[in-house]
Protein backbone atom coordinates (compact mmCIF):
# COMPACT_ATOMS: atom_id res chain seq x y z
CA MET A 1 -210.55 66.47 -286.61
CA LYS A 2 -213.98 64.53 -285.47
CA VAL A 3 -215.73 66.15 -283.36
CA ASP A 4 -218.99 64.05 -281.41
CA MET A 5 -222.70 65.65 -281.31
CA ILE A 6 -224.49 64.49 -278.04
CA MET A 7 -227.51 64.45 -276.82
CA PRO A 8 -228.36 67.45 -274.77
CA LYS A 9 -229.34 67.97 -271.76
CA MET A 10 -232.98 69.83 -271.88
CA GLY A 11 -233.77 70.76 -268.53
CA GLU A 12 -232.87 68.69 -264.41
CA SER A 13 -235.55 66.08 -265.03
CA ILE A 14 -235.14 65.27 -268.78
CA THR A 15 -232.94 62.03 -269.38
CA GLU A 16 -234.07 61.21 -272.31
CA GLY A 17 -235.18 62.45 -276.31
CA THR A 18 -236.69 61.48 -279.02
CA ILE A 19 -235.48 62.41 -282.86
CA LEU A 20 -237.85 63.73 -284.52
CA ARG A 21 -236.40 65.23 -287.88
CA TRP A 22 -232.75 65.77 -289.13
CA LEU A 23 -232.87 69.18 -291.17
CA LYS A 24 -229.38 67.69 -293.19
CA LYS A 25 -227.94 64.66 -294.23
CA GLU A 26 -224.71 63.40 -293.99
CA GLY A 27 -222.45 64.33 -295.92
CA ASP A 28 -223.88 68.01 -295.39
CA ARG A 29 -222.65 71.20 -294.40
CA VAL A 30 -222.91 72.71 -291.43
CA GLU A 31 -222.48 76.06 -289.08
CA ARG A 32 -221.33 77.00 -285.83
CA ASP A 33 -225.12 77.38 -284.12
CA GLU A 34 -226.73 75.80 -287.11
CA VAL A 35 -230.20 74.24 -286.29
CA ILE A 36 -229.40 70.63 -287.90
CA LEU A 37 -232.15 68.37 -285.66
CA GLU A 38 -235.18 68.24 -283.92
CA ILE A 39 -235.84 66.46 -280.67
CA SER A 40 -239.05 65.73 -278.78
CA THR A 41 -238.80 65.16 -274.45
CA ASP A 42 -241.45 64.68 -272.29
CA LYS A 43 -242.52 68.33 -272.04
CA VAL A 44 -241.16 69.99 -275.30
CA ASP A 45 -240.05 70.52 -279.03
CA SER A 46 -236.54 72.15 -280.17
CA GLU A 47 -234.23 73.17 -282.29
CA ILE A 48 -230.35 72.13 -281.69
CA PRO A 49 -227.72 74.14 -283.28
CA SER A 50 -224.46 72.41 -284.12
CA PRO A 51 -222.45 72.71 -282.11
CA THR A 52 -219.24 73.67 -285.11
CA SER A 53 -218.48 74.44 -287.72
CA GLY A 54 -217.55 71.31 -290.84
CA VAL A 55 -219.44 68.74 -292.20
CA LEU A 56 -221.97 66.37 -290.89
CA LYS A 57 -220.01 62.72 -291.13
CA LYS A 58 -222.17 60.64 -290.06
CA ILE A 59 -225.62 60.30 -287.81
CA LEU A 60 -225.53 58.31 -285.45
CA ALA A 61 -229.65 57.59 -284.12
CA GLN A 62 -232.09 57.90 -286.63
CA GLU A 63 -235.56 60.07 -287.05
CA GLY A 64 -237.83 57.91 -283.81
CA ASP A 65 -235.43 56.65 -282.02
CA THR A 66 -234.56 57.96 -278.66
CA VAL A 67 -231.96 58.40 -277.32
CA GLU A 68 -230.06 58.98 -273.27
CA VAL A 69 -229.12 62.36 -272.67
CA GLY A 70 -224.95 62.56 -272.90
CA SER A 71 -225.33 59.06 -275.87
CA VAL A 72 -223.11 59.56 -279.26
CA ILE A 73 -225.96 61.54 -281.96
CA ALA A 74 -223.85 62.16 -284.66
CA GLU A 75 -220.33 62.91 -285.78
CA ILE A 76 -219.00 66.03 -287.83
CA GLU A 77 -215.38 66.64 -289.53
CA THR A 78 -214.37 70.19 -289.11
CA GLU A 79 -211.57 71.64 -291.78
CA GLU A 80 -208.79 69.60 -290.09
CA ALA A 81 -210.64 66.59 -291.77
CA GLY A 82 -207.27 64.30 -292.78
CA VAL A 83 -205.47 64.35 -289.38
CA GLU A 84 -207.38 61.93 -287.86
CA GLY A 85 -209.19 59.96 -291.17
CA GLY A 86 -206.37 57.14 -290.91
CA ASN A 87 -207.44 55.96 -294.20
CA GLY A 88 -208.04 57.51 -297.96
CA LYS A 89 -212.07 58.54 -297.82
CA ASP A 90 -211.40 60.04 -294.18
CA GLU A 91 -208.50 62.39 -295.66
CA THR A 92 -211.04 62.81 -298.98
CA ALA A 93 -214.41 64.28 -297.27
CA PRO A 94 -214.57 67.15 -297.07
CA ALA A 95 -213.76 67.46 -300.74
CA ALA A 96 -216.57 65.81 -301.51
CA VAL A 97 -218.64 67.78 -299.47
CA ALA A 98 -218.37 70.99 -302.53
CA GLU A 99 -220.21 67.96 -305.22
CA PRO A 100 -223.81 66.28 -304.56
CA GLU A 101 -223.41 63.26 -303.43
CA PRO A 102 -224.79 62.85 -300.65
CA ALA A 103 -227.55 60.10 -301.95
CA ALA A 104 -224.48 57.56 -302.35
CA PRO A 105 -224.52 57.47 -298.29
CA GLN A 106 -227.68 58.32 -297.81
CA PRO A 107 -229.15 54.86 -297.60
CA GLU A 108 -225.90 53.88 -294.81
CA PRO A 109 -227.77 54.87 -291.59
CA GLN A 110 -230.78 51.97 -292.21
CA PRO A 111 -227.90 49.05 -290.72
CA PRO A 112 -226.01 51.42 -288.39
CA ALA A 113 -230.29 52.56 -287.10
CA PRO A 114 -230.54 49.34 -284.51
CA ALA A 115 -227.26 49.66 -283.67
CA ALA A 116 -226.78 53.51 -282.50
CA PRO A 117 -226.64 52.90 -278.81
CA PRO A 118 -222.59 50.64 -277.92
CA PRO A 119 -222.98 47.58 -278.01
CA PRO A 120 -221.71 45.35 -275.04
CA ALA A 121 -218.89 42.86 -274.91
CA PRO A 122 -220.06 39.84 -277.07
CA GLU A 123 -220.17 37.41 -274.33
CA GLN A 124 -223.80 38.10 -272.09
CA PRO A 125 -223.56 36.14 -268.85
CA GLU A 126 -224.26 39.88 -267.07
CA PRO A 127 -226.86 41.22 -268.02
CA ALA A 128 -226.60 43.85 -264.84
CA PRO A 129 -224.67 46.29 -266.81
CA ALA A 130 -227.40 49.47 -267.87
CA ALA A 131 -226.17 49.76 -271.66
CA ALA A 132 -227.66 46.20 -272.27
CA PRO A 133 -230.84 46.75 -272.96
CA ALA A 134 -230.03 49.17 -275.11
CA VAL A 135 -228.60 46.12 -276.85
CA GLU A 136 -231.72 43.72 -276.69
CA ALA A 137 -234.47 46.61 -278.86
CA PRO A 138 -232.75 46.45 -282.45
CA ALA A 139 -232.68 42.26 -282.56
CA ALA A 140 -236.61 42.09 -282.74
CA PRO A 141 -236.95 45.02 -285.84
CA SER A 142 -239.98 42.20 -286.52
CA GLY A 143 -241.14 43.95 -283.09
CA GLU A 144 -241.94 40.70 -280.42
CA LYS A 145 -239.41 42.41 -278.36
CA ARG A 146 -239.80 45.78 -276.91
CA PHE A 147 -237.43 48.01 -276.75
CA TYR A 148 -237.31 49.57 -272.93
CA SER A 149 -234.60 52.45 -272.21
CA PRO A 150 -232.30 52.19 -270.33
CA LEU A 151 -233.78 54.81 -267.46
CA VAL A 152 -236.79 52.29 -267.82
CA ARG A 153 -235.47 49.57 -267.28
CA SER A 154 -233.78 51.40 -264.47
CA ILE A 155 -236.86 52.20 -262.69
CA ALA A 156 -238.51 48.50 -263.80
CA ALA A 157 -235.55 46.96 -261.42
CA LYS A 158 -235.80 49.15 -257.97
CA GLU A 159 -239.41 48.52 -258.10
CA GLY A 160 -238.93 45.45 -258.39
CA ILE A 161 -240.81 44.44 -261.92
CA SER A 162 -240.56 41.79 -264.22
CA GLU A 163 -239.52 41.85 -267.83
CA GLU A 164 -243.06 39.85 -268.20
CA GLU A 165 -244.93 42.29 -266.03
CA LEU A 166 -242.58 45.79 -267.95
CA ALA A 167 -244.00 43.75 -271.56
CA ARG A 168 -247.72 44.21 -270.09
CA ILE A 169 -247.26 48.13 -269.58
CA PRO A 170 -249.17 50.12 -272.45
CA GLY A 171 -246.61 52.36 -274.27
CA THR A 172 -247.61 56.04 -275.68
CA GLY A 173 -244.00 56.42 -276.26
CA MET A 174 -243.29 56.13 -280.67
CA GLY A 175 -244.17 53.03 -281.57
CA GLY A 176 -245.58 51.83 -278.72
CA ARG A 177 -242.48 52.52 -276.53
CA VAL A 178 -243.00 52.90 -272.10
CA THR A 179 -241.90 55.63 -271.51
CA LYS A 180 -240.87 57.01 -268.03
CA ASN A 181 -244.20 58.22 -267.66
CA ASP A 182 -245.94 54.82 -268.31
CA ILE A 183 -243.98 53.06 -266.04
CA LEU A 184 -244.15 55.82 -263.25
CA GLN A 185 -248.54 55.66 -263.88
CA TYR A 186 -248.01 51.77 -263.35
CA ILE A 187 -246.46 51.98 -260.51
CA GLU A 188 -248.56 54.67 -258.63
CA ASN A 189 -252.15 52.43 -260.01
CA ARG A 190 -250.30 49.09 -259.02
CA LYS A 191 -249.66 50.69 -255.48
CA LYS A 192 -252.76 52.04 -255.20
CA ALA A 193 -254.49 48.68 -256.21
CA PRO A 194 -255.38 46.16 -252.75
CA ALA A 195 -253.89 43.47 -254.24
CA ALA A 196 -251.31 42.06 -256.60
CA PRO A 197 -252.45 43.64 -260.19
CA PRO A 198 -255.70 42.08 -261.86
CA PRO A 199 -254.11 39.44 -264.81
CA PRO A 200 -254.13 41.99 -267.66
CA PRO A 201 -256.55 39.60 -270.03
CA PRO A 202 -260.22 40.08 -268.92
CA PRO A 203 -262.22 36.39 -268.35
CA PRO A 204 -264.58 35.54 -271.87
CA ARG A 205 -267.62 36.90 -271.26
CA PRO A 206 -269.72 34.11 -271.54
CA GLU A 207 -271.56 34.85 -274.46
CA PRO A 208 -275.84 32.45 -274.64
CA ALA A 209 -276.52 31.51 -278.46
CA PRO A 210 -279.97 32.66 -278.69
CA ALA A 211 -282.81 29.99 -280.28
CA ALA A 212 -282.52 31.96 -283.73
CA ALA A 213 -279.23 33.10 -283.57
CA ARG A 214 -278.53 36.01 -285.32
CA PRO A 215 -275.46 36.10 -287.79
CA ALA A 216 -272.85 37.70 -286.50
CA ALA A 217 -272.23 41.66 -287.66
CA PRO A 218 -269.06 41.27 -290.18
CA PRO A 219 -265.88 42.83 -288.25
CA VAL A 220 -265.44 46.86 -289.56
CA ALA A 221 -262.70 47.88 -291.49
CA PRO A 222 -259.71 49.56 -290.88
CA ALA A 223 -259.94 53.64 -291.89
CA ALA A 224 -258.21 52.87 -295.72
CA ALA A 225 -257.00 56.37 -297.67
CA GLY A 226 -260.05 56.51 -300.63
CA ASP A 227 -261.15 58.81 -303.06
CA ARG A 228 -262.94 60.36 -300.38
CA VAL A 229 -260.67 59.09 -296.72
CA GLU A 230 -257.71 60.75 -296.15
CA ILE A 231 -255.38 59.18 -293.96
CA ILE A 232 -253.82 62.08 -291.30
CA GLU A 233 -251.24 60.46 -289.29
CA MET A 234 -250.56 62.11 -285.24
CA ASP A 235 -247.54 64.64 -284.66
CA HIS A 236 -245.36 63.93 -281.90
CA MET A 237 -246.88 66.78 -280.32
CA ARG A 238 -250.65 65.87 -281.54
CA LYS A 239 -249.71 62.21 -279.21
CA ALA A 240 -248.96 64.15 -276.98
CA ILE A 241 -251.40 66.38 -276.26
CA ALA A 242 -254.23 63.58 -277.12
CA GLU A 243 -252.74 61.13 -274.26
CA HIS A 244 -252.56 64.36 -271.62
CA MET A 245 -256.03 65.20 -272.38
CA VAL A 246 -257.27 62.07 -271.99
CA LYS A 247 -255.28 61.03 -269.11
CA SER A 248 -256.46 64.31 -267.56
CA VAL A 249 -260.44 63.18 -268.13
CA HIS A 250 -260.03 59.92 -266.51
CA THR A 251 -257.79 61.46 -263.33
CA SER A 252 -260.41 64.39 -262.04
CA PRO A 253 -264.16 64.59 -262.33
CA HIS A 254 -264.54 67.82 -264.03
CA VAL A 255 -266.80 71.21 -262.86
CA TYR A 256 -267.19 74.11 -264.55
CA SER A 257 -269.22 77.69 -263.24
CA PHE A 258 -269.55 80.62 -265.53
CA SER A 259 -269.38 84.08 -264.52
CA GLU A 260 -268.82 87.34 -266.76
CA ALA A 261 -267.20 90.57 -265.98
CA ASP A 262 -266.85 94.38 -266.81
CA VAL A 263 -263.88 95.15 -267.94
CA THR A 264 -264.82 98.11 -269.78
CA HIS A 265 -261.78 100.22 -267.99
CA LEU A 266 -259.30 97.79 -269.33
CA VAL A 267 -260.54 98.33 -272.74
CA LYS A 268 -260.28 102.25 -272.42
CA TYR A 269 -257.27 101.92 -270.93
CA ARG A 270 -255.40 99.61 -273.53
CA GLU A 271 -256.54 101.56 -276.56
CA ARG A 272 -255.00 105.22 -274.60
CA VAL A 273 -251.44 103.54 -274.33
CA LYS A 274 -251.34 101.02 -276.42
CA ASP A 275 -249.42 103.10 -278.95
CA GLU A 276 -246.65 104.27 -276.77
CA PHE A 277 -247.08 101.18 -275.33
CA TYR A 278 -245.40 99.43 -278.09
CA ARG A 279 -243.17 101.99 -279.14
CA ARG A 280 -241.64 101.94 -275.96
CA GLU A 281 -241.67 98.10 -275.23
CA GLY A 282 -241.19 97.37 -279.18
CA PHE A 283 -244.45 94.86 -278.65
CA LYS A 284 -248.44 94.92 -278.63
CA LEU A 285 -250.08 94.85 -274.88
CA THR A 286 -252.69 92.35 -275.53
CA TYR A 287 -255.50 91.24 -272.25
CA THR A 288 -253.83 88.68 -271.35
CA PRO A 289 -251.71 90.13 -268.14
CA PHE A 290 -254.61 91.89 -267.45
CA PHE A 291 -256.45 88.57 -266.54
CA MET A 292 -252.78 86.83 -264.74
CA ILE A 293 -252.66 89.43 -263.19
CA ALA A 294 -256.16 88.83 -261.23
CA ALA A 295 -256.33 85.24 -261.74
CA ALA A 296 -252.93 85.20 -258.99
CA LYS A 297 -254.42 87.15 -257.03
CA ALA A 298 -257.56 85.31 -256.36
CA LEU A 299 -254.65 82.27 -256.42
CA LYS A 300 -253.32 84.60 -253.01
CA ASP A 301 -256.81 84.37 -252.06
CA PHE A 302 -257.62 80.78 -252.16
CA PRO A 303 -254.71 78.69 -252.35
CA LEU A 304 -256.40 75.36 -252.24
CA VAL A 305 -256.97 76.25 -255.69
CA ASN A 306 -253.33 76.58 -256.32
CA SER A 307 -252.61 73.42 -255.12
CA SER A 308 -252.91 68.99 -256.70
CA VAL A 309 -253.69 65.69 -255.45
CA ASP A 310 -251.67 63.39 -254.04
CA GLY A 311 -253.33 60.09 -253.38
CA ASP A 312 -254.39 60.76 -250.15
CA ARG A 313 -253.13 64.08 -249.88
CA ILE A 314 -253.41 67.43 -250.84
CA ILE A 315 -250.11 69.57 -252.17
CA LEU A 316 -250.95 73.09 -251.21
CA LYS A 317 -248.03 75.16 -253.09
CA LYS A 318 -247.09 78.65 -252.66
CA ASP A 319 -245.55 79.56 -255.34
CA ILE A 320 -248.00 80.94 -257.99
CA ASN A 321 -246.22 79.82 -261.16
CA ILE A 322 -249.28 80.59 -264.22
CA GLY A 323 -249.49 78.01 -267.41
CA MET A 324 -250.63 80.55 -270.52
CA ALA A 325 -251.57 78.04 -273.34
CA VAL A 326 -250.17 79.42 -276.38
CA ALA A 327 -251.85 77.92 -280.30
CA LEU A 328 -249.09 76.32 -282.40
CA ASP A 329 -250.34 75.51 -286.36
CA GLN A 330 -249.65 72.22 -284.86
CA GLY A 331 -251.51 71.93 -281.33
CA LEU A 332 -250.92 74.04 -278.42
CA ILE A 333 -248.57 74.14 -275.77
CA VAL A 334 -248.19 75.83 -272.19
CA PRO A 335 -245.82 77.71 -271.35
CA VAL A 336 -245.75 78.91 -267.78
CA VAL A 337 -244.96 81.98 -265.81
CA LYS A 338 -243.35 81.74 -263.02
CA ASN A 339 -244.07 83.64 -259.11
CA ALA A 340 -246.74 85.32 -261.45
CA ASP A 341 -248.14 87.08 -258.44
CA THR A 342 -244.91 89.62 -258.15
CA LEU A 343 -244.76 90.79 -261.42
CA THR A 344 -246.49 94.54 -262.07
CA LEU A 345 -248.44 95.23 -265.92
CA VAL A 346 -245.09 95.75 -267.67
CA GLY A 347 -242.92 92.78 -265.37
CA MET A 348 -245.86 90.43 -266.30
CA ALA A 349 -246.42 91.69 -270.60
CA ARG A 350 -242.81 91.08 -271.04
CA VAL A 351 -242.57 87.56 -269.81
CA VAL A 352 -246.36 87.04 -271.91
CA ASN A 353 -244.97 88.19 -274.74
CA ASP A 354 -241.31 86.73 -274.44
CA LEU A 355 -242.42 83.51 -273.30
CA ALA A 356 -245.07 83.41 -276.53
CA ARG A 357 -242.85 84.48 -279.43
CA ARG A 358 -240.38 81.74 -278.12
CA ALA A 359 -243.17 79.08 -278.07
CA ARG A 360 -244.07 79.80 -281.99
CA GLU A 361 -240.38 79.87 -282.65
CA LYS A 362 -239.45 76.69 -281.05
CA LYS A 363 -236.57 77.70 -279.05
CA LEU A 364 -238.65 77.46 -275.30
CA LEU A 365 -236.80 75.55 -272.42
CA PRO A 366 -238.42 72.25 -270.76
CA ASP A 367 -237.96 74.04 -267.73
CA GLU A 368 -240.04 76.77 -269.16
CA VAL A 369 -243.10 74.54 -269.51
CA GLN A 370 -242.54 72.56 -265.70
CA ASP A 371 -243.52 73.21 -262.08
CA GLY A 372 -247.10 74.87 -263.43
CA THR A 373 -250.23 74.79 -260.59
CA PHE A 374 -251.75 77.17 -262.50
CA THR A 375 -253.26 77.41 -266.48
CA ILE A 376 -254.93 80.05 -268.24
CA THR A 377 -256.39 79.58 -271.79
CA ASN A 378 -257.05 82.55 -273.95
CA LEU A 379 -260.02 81.24 -276.14
CA GLY A 380 -261.66 84.41 -276.97
CA SER A 381 -258.40 84.88 -278.84
CA PHE A 382 -260.44 83.20 -281.78
CA GLY A 383 -263.52 84.99 -281.50
CA SER A 384 -265.02 81.86 -278.66
CA LEU A 385 -267.23 83.42 -276.73
CA ILE A 386 -267.03 81.05 -273.71
CA GLY A 387 -265.70 76.68 -273.12
CA THR A 388 -264.44 74.05 -270.72
CA PRO A 389 -261.41 73.94 -271.29
CA ILE A 390 -259.68 70.57 -269.66
CA ILE A 391 -257.08 70.47 -266.27
CA SER A 392 -253.58 70.51 -267.19
CA GLN A 393 -252.55 67.80 -265.69
CA PRO A 394 -251.22 67.45 -261.93
CA GLN A 395 -252.72 71.17 -261.52
CA VAL A 396 -256.60 71.08 -260.08
CA ALA A 397 -258.42 74.56 -261.86
CA ILE A 398 -257.97 76.10 -265.41
CA LEU A 399 -259.34 79.41 -266.22
CA GLY A 400 -260.96 80.13 -269.69
CA VAL A 401 -260.79 83.55 -270.85
CA GLY A 402 -263.36 84.59 -273.60
CA ALA A 403 -263.71 87.61 -276.41
CA ILE A 404 -264.07 90.64 -274.75
CA LYS A 405 -267.52 92.06 -276.91
CA LYS A 406 -269.28 95.23 -275.91
CA ARG A 407 -272.88 94.15 -274.85
CA VAL A 408 -275.97 95.58 -273.64
CA VAL A 409 -276.44 95.09 -269.71
CA VAL A 410 -278.50 96.82 -266.87
CA ILE A 411 -276.37 99.31 -264.14
CA ASP A 412 -278.31 100.11 -261.24
CA ASP A 413 -281.40 100.12 -263.02
CA ALA A 414 -280.11 101.37 -266.55
CA ILE A 415 -279.37 100.19 -269.23
CA ALA A 416 -275.49 100.61 -271.15
CA ILE A 417 -273.21 98.97 -273.69
CA ARG A 418 -270.71 97.64 -271.52
CA ASP A 419 -267.58 95.58 -273.02
CA MET A 420 -267.69 92.34 -270.88
CA VAL A 421 -266.22 88.97 -271.57
CA TYR A 422 -267.37 85.06 -270.33
CA LEU A 423 -265.09 83.53 -267.26
CA SER A 424 -264.99 79.82 -267.47
CA LEU A 425 -263.62 77.71 -264.24
CA GLY A 426 -262.79 74.23 -264.73
CA PHE A 427 -261.81 72.85 -261.46
CA ASP A 428 -261.17 69.14 -259.88
CA HIS A 429 -264.47 67.49 -257.87
CA ARG A 430 -262.24 65.66 -255.96
CA ILE A 431 -260.29 69.20 -253.79
CA ILE A 432 -262.63 71.38 -254.95
CA ASP A 433 -266.11 71.99 -254.08
CA GLY A 434 -268.98 74.03 -255.80
CA ALA A 435 -269.24 76.60 -253.14
CA LEU A 436 -265.09 76.98 -253.41
CA GLY A 437 -264.69 76.95 -257.38
CA GLY A 438 -267.79 79.73 -257.53
CA MET A 439 -266.14 81.97 -254.66
CA PHE A 440 -263.08 81.97 -256.97
CA LEU A 441 -264.46 83.19 -259.87
CA GLU A 442 -266.02 85.63 -258.60
CA ARG A 443 -263.19 86.71 -256.35
CA VAL A 444 -261.03 87.07 -260.27
CA VAL A 445 -264.28 89.06 -261.24
CA LYS A 446 -264.21 90.88 -258.51
CA TYR A 447 -260.19 91.89 -259.19
CA LEU A 448 -260.30 92.83 -263.06
CA GLN A 449 -263.71 94.98 -262.84
CA GLU A 450 -261.57 96.86 -259.96
CA MET A 451 -257.89 97.15 -261.39
CA ASP A 452 -256.55 100.27 -261.83
CA PRO A 453 -254.40 99.92 -264.42
CA GLU A 454 -252.13 103.24 -263.90
CA THR A 455 -250.77 101.33 -259.68
CA LEU A 456 -249.75 97.63 -261.85
């Protein structure tokens, strides 16, 4: 019996996903809940398990394809193979799995790849149905005609964006594909413009020719691999990080404030309870929960830091949802601790450990990396004393935590050795001035230095 495997819905706001990698080939045996492919959405990369046991009969969406939620991406044939077959091939498929013949069907994915979306009726007089745009994309493997997902087409139609205007929108998706974020950003920029969008190419630059013209410099040749050069293609996560960072720097005028905190009492507390904590909870107590709690308290005192900017409006967030940057082998991801101001020390430690562990195992859900209102990045976990992190849009501030180091300090005119940590606050100068940024940072320092872990 054939079972259709569909593109899963990975969150309320997720409407499509990109196939990153198939871990199984056509003809391979798969078990129920065995991971067989990796997909990427606008929010997170995820490993997708098989919905049933059987044979991966046909792959309908190839690596690199962007597929709408609910679309069939593969067919799995279960043990009752011969019942639905209708021809000899279907009935013998299960037997063929035992032999190493997956190489024979291997070339077949190429032709079906363009036709993965179901084609409409042969007649083309009615371009209205949403499925029609998905059929256009495969028609031009040369790259002259761009692919637009049904979601992008729908947004373009709603906003009155013509085909020519759509073609001018720069795409940041795989292969230059226009993503949902690309078209929404374009629409937002177009609304801010006083008149119709200017023509894309600027007028030719007037170049007065000097009397003694110098020979033109030869064009810079693109980098090529060689004995002394290695070319590394960015993966999907690195491209997404690059896009997000560039967008943030172009959106927010970043300003930084720096301070330091004496966390000697927190270091002593952790040393005293860490073994018993590990036996009871099954994971190590880190310093991150302490910084999360101090930041959550300060955000309640300064709600403007827990906001976002929408044009000329400031959106104050009632929920305090703190993102924490987690380093992965291929980049980083920022899972979000929801309602961080309501958690105890042990509760915060459990949530932080769980999110960090599942982030490294690629088991986060898209909803767990959304709705952050503030971010903390622990620069000290790699030995850095201080840093200037980039704001995670659409947030307006980010806290960088350096390494905790023993240093000689002066306390009440006396020299002492204390456990000190540098803190850096990057904030959006559109709505947060230096005074507010400095006061918020000093409030975080105050909560850290006055924190009594026994009462948290």
